[in-house]
Amino acid sequence: MTLRLDEQDQEALKERAAAEGISMQEAARRAVRDYVAKSEHRSRVSKATELILDVHAEAIERLGK
């Protein structure tokens, strides 16, 4: 895989990686892992919310009135 960044993003990545004492490649890997983990978390929260709303729909309806 090739990651193409504009100059501004590349410089920001370079500076962040240097500040952490890691390579740009490692910084990019970490960013991808973080993105995936956050996306998976949002998906789990969304599914749990749907389940709770479904299971407790009657009580939620009564509270709303």
N, C-alpha and C. Protein backbone atom coordinates (compact mmCIF):
# COMPACT_ATOMS: atom_id res chain seq x y z
N MET A 1 0.83 -1.17 0.00
CA MET A 1 0.00 0.00 0.00
C MET A 1 0.88 1.24 0.00
N THR A 2 0.47 2.22 -0.74
CA THR A 2 1.17 3.49 -0.77
C THR A 2 0.24 4.55 -0.20
N LEU A 3 0.75 5.33 0.72
CA LEU A 3 -0.04 6.41 1.32
C LEU A 3 0.47 7.72 0.76
N ARG A 4 -0.41 8.43 0.08
CA ARG A 4 -0.04 9.72 -0.49
C ARG A 4 -0.60 10.84 0.38
N LEU A 5 0.28 11.71 0.83
CA LEU A 5 -0.11 12.83 1.67
C LEU A 5 0.29 14.13 0.99
N ASP A 6 -0.48 15.19 1.24
CA ASP A 6 -0.03 16.48 0.75
C ASP A 6 1.11 16.95 1.67
N GLU A 7 1.78 18.01 1.27
CA GLU A 7 2.96 18.47 2.01
C GLU A 7 2.64 18.80 3.46
N GLN A 8 1.50 19.44 3.68
CA GLN A 8 1.12 19.84 5.03
C GLN A 8 0.91 18.62 5.93
N ASP A 9 0.18 17.62 5.43
CA ASP A 9 -0.06 16.41 6.22
C ASP A 9 1.23 15.64 6.44
N GLN A 10 2.08 15.57 5.42
CA GLN A 10 3.34 14.85 5.55
C GLN A 10 4.23 15.52 6.59
N GLU A 11 4.28 16.83 6.58
CA GLU A 11 5.11 17.55 7.56
C GLU A 11 4.57 17.36 8.97
N ALA A 12 3.23 17.40 9.10
CA ALA A 12 2.61 17.19 10.42
C ALA A 12 2.91 15.79 10.93
N LEU A 13 2.83 14.80 10.06
CA LEU A 13 3.13 13.42 10.44
C LEU A 13 4.59 13.29 10.83
N LYS A 14 5.46 13.90 10.05
CA LYS A 14 6.90 13.84 10.32
C LYS A 14 7.22 14.45 11.69
N GLU A 15 6.63 15.61 11.97
CA GLU A 15 6.88 16.28 13.25
C GLU A 15 6.33 15.47 14.43
N ARG A 16 5.11 14.92 14.26
CA ARG A 16 4.49 14.13 15.34
C ARG A 16 5.31 12.87 15.61
N ALA A 17 5.75 12.21 14.55
CA ALA A 17 6.55 10.99 14.70
C ALA A 17 7.87 11.31 15.39
N ALA A 18 8.51 12.39 14.98
CA ALA A 18 9.79 12.78 15.60
C ALA A 18 9.59 13.08 17.08
N ALA A 19 8.50 13.76 17.41
CA ALA A 19 8.24 14.10 18.81
C ALA A 19 8.04 12.85 19.67
N GLU A 20 7.53 11.80 19.06
CA GLU A 20 7.30 10.56 19.79
C GLU A 20 8.46 9.58 19.66
N GLY A 21 9.44 9.94 18.85
CA GLY A 21 10.61 9.07 18.67
C GLY A 21 10.30 7.81 17.89
N ILE A 22 9.37 7.92 16.94
CA ILE A 22 9.00 6.77 16.12
C ILE A 22 9.09 7.17 14.64
N SER A 23 9.04 6.17 13.78
CA SER A 23 9.08 6.44 12.35
C SER A 23 7.72 6.97 11.88
N MET A 24 7.73 7.60 10.72
CA MET A 24 6.47 8.05 10.13
C MET A 24 5.57 6.86 9.83
N GLN A 25 6.16 5.76 9.43
CA GLN A 25 5.40 4.56 9.13
C GLN A 25 4.70 4.05 10.39
N GLU A 26 5.40 4.03 11.51
CA GLU A 26 4.80 3.58 12.77
C GLU A 26 3.70 4.54 13.21
N ALA A 27 3.91 5.84 13.03
CA ALA A 27 2.88 6.82 13.38
C ALA A 27 1.62 6.59 12.53
N ALA A 28 1.80 6.31 11.25
CA ALA A 28 0.66 6.05 10.37
C ALA A 28 -0.05 4.76 10.78
N ARG A 29 0.72 3.72 11.13
CA ARG A 29 0.12 2.46 11.58
C ARG A 29 -0.74 2.70 12.82
N ARG A 30 -0.20 3.46 13.76
CA ARG A 30 -0.94 3.76 14.99
C ARG A 30 -2.22 4.52 14.68
N ALA A 31 -2.14 5.45 13.75
CA ALA A 31 -3.32 6.23 13.38
C ALA A 31 -4.40 5.32 12.77
N VAL A 32 -3.98 4.38 11.95
CA VAL A 32 -4.94 3.45 11.34
C VAL A 32 -5.57 2.58 12.42
N ARG A 33 -4.76 2.05 13.34
CA ARG A 33 -5.29 1.22 14.42
C ARG A 33 -6.29 2.00 15.27
N ASP A 34 -5.96 3.26 15.58
CA ASP A 34 -6.83 4.10 16.38
C ASP A 34 -8.15 4.35 15.64
N TYR A 35 -8.06 4.64 14.36
CA TYR A 35 -9.26 4.86 13.55
C TYR A 35 -10.16 3.63 13.54
N VAL A 36 -9.58 2.47 13.34
CA VAL A 36 -10.35 1.22 13.31
C VAL A 36 -10.98 0.95 14.67
N ALA A 37 -10.22 1.12 15.74
CA ALA A 37 -10.75 0.87 17.09
C ALA A 37 -11.91 1.81 17.40
N LYS A 38 -11.77 3.09 17.06
CA LYS A 38 -12.85 4.04 17.32
C LYS A 38 -14.08 3.71 16.49
N SER A 39 -13.89 3.31 15.25
CA SER A 39 -15.02 2.94 14.40
C SER A 39 -15.74 1.72 14.94
N GLU A 40 -14.98 0.72 15.39
CA GLU A 40 -15.58 -0.48 15.96
C GLU A 40 -16.35 -0.14 17.24
N HIS A 41 -15.79 0.75 18.07
CA HIS A 41 -16.45 1.16 19.30
C HIS A 41 -17.78 1.85 18.99
N ARG A 42 -17.76 2.79 18.03
CA ARG A 42 -19.00 3.48 17.65
C ARG A 42 -20.05 2.48 17.17
N SER A 43 -19.62 1.48 16.44
CA SER A 43 -20.55 0.47 15.93
C SER A 43 -21.16 -0.32 17.09
N ARG A 44 -20.34 -0.72 18.06
CA ARG A 44 -20.85 -1.46 19.22
C ARG A 44 -21.82 -0.62 20.03
N VAL A 45 -21.49 0.65 20.23
CA VAL A 45 -22.38 1.55 20.99
C VAL A 45 -23.70 1.72 20.25
N SER A 46 -23.64 1.89 18.95
CA SER A 46 -24.85 2.05 18.16
C SER A 46 -25.75 0.82 18.26
N LYS A 47 -25.16 -0.36 18.15
CA LYS A 47 -25.93 -1.60 18.25
C LYS A 47 -26.53 -1.76 19.64
N ALA A 48 -25.76 -1.43 20.68
CA ALA A 48 -26.27 -1.53 22.04
C ALA A 48 -27.42 -0.55 22.26
N THR A 49 -27.29 0.65 21.71
CA THR A 49 -28.35 1.65 21.82
C THR A 49 -29.63 1.16 21.17
N GLU A 50 -29.51 0.60 19.97
CA GLU A 50 -30.68 0.08 19.27
C GLU A 50 -31.35 -1.03 20.08
N LEU A 51 -30.56 -1.91 20.68
CA LEU A 51 -31.10 -3.00 21.48
C LEU A 51 -31.85 -2.46 22.69
N ILE A 52 -31.24 -1.51 23.39
CA ILE A 52 -31.87 -0.93 24.58
C ILE A 52 -33.17 -0.22 24.21
N LEU A 53 -33.14 0.54 23.12
CA LEU A 53 -34.35 1.24 22.69
C LEU A 53 -35.45 0.25 22.31
N ASP A 54 -35.08 -0.85 21.71
CA ASP A 54 -36.05 -1.87 21.32
C ASP A 54 -36.62 -2.57 22.55
N VAL A 55 -35.75 -3.01 23.44
CA VAL A 55 -36.17 -3.76 24.62
C VAL A 55 -37.01 -2.90 25.56
N HIS A 56 -36.67 -1.63 25.66
CA HIS A 56 -37.35 -0.75 26.61
C HIS A 56 -38.24 0.28 25.93
N ALA A 57 -38.69 -0.01 24.73
CA ALA A 57 -39.48 0.94 23.94
C ALA A 57 -40.74 1.38 24.69
N GLU A 58 -41.42 0.46 25.32
CA GLU A 58 -42.66 0.80 26.02
C GLU A 58 -42.39 1.76 27.18
N ALA A 59 -41.38 1.47 27.98
CA ALA A 59 -41.06 2.33 29.11
C ALA A 59 -40.59 3.71 28.62
N ILE A 60 -39.82 3.73 27.56
CA ILE A 60 -39.35 5.01 27.01
C ILE A 60 -40.52 5.83 26.50
N GLU A 61 -41.47 5.16 25.87
CA GLU A 61 -42.67 5.83 25.38
C GLU A 61 -43.46 6.43 26.54
N ARG A 62 -43.62 5.68 27.62
CA ARG A 62 -44.36 6.19 28.79
C ARG A 62 -43.66 7.37 29.42
N LEU A 63 -42.35 7.34 29.47
CA LEU A 63 -41.58 8.44 30.06
C LEU A 63 -41.66 9.70 29.21
N GLY A 64 -41.85 9.53 27.92
CA GLY A 64 -41.89 10.66 27.00
C GLY A 64 -43.20 11.42 27.04
N LYS A 65 -44.21 10.83 27.62
CA LYS A 65 -45.53 11.48 27.62
C LYS A 65 -45.74 12.34 28.83
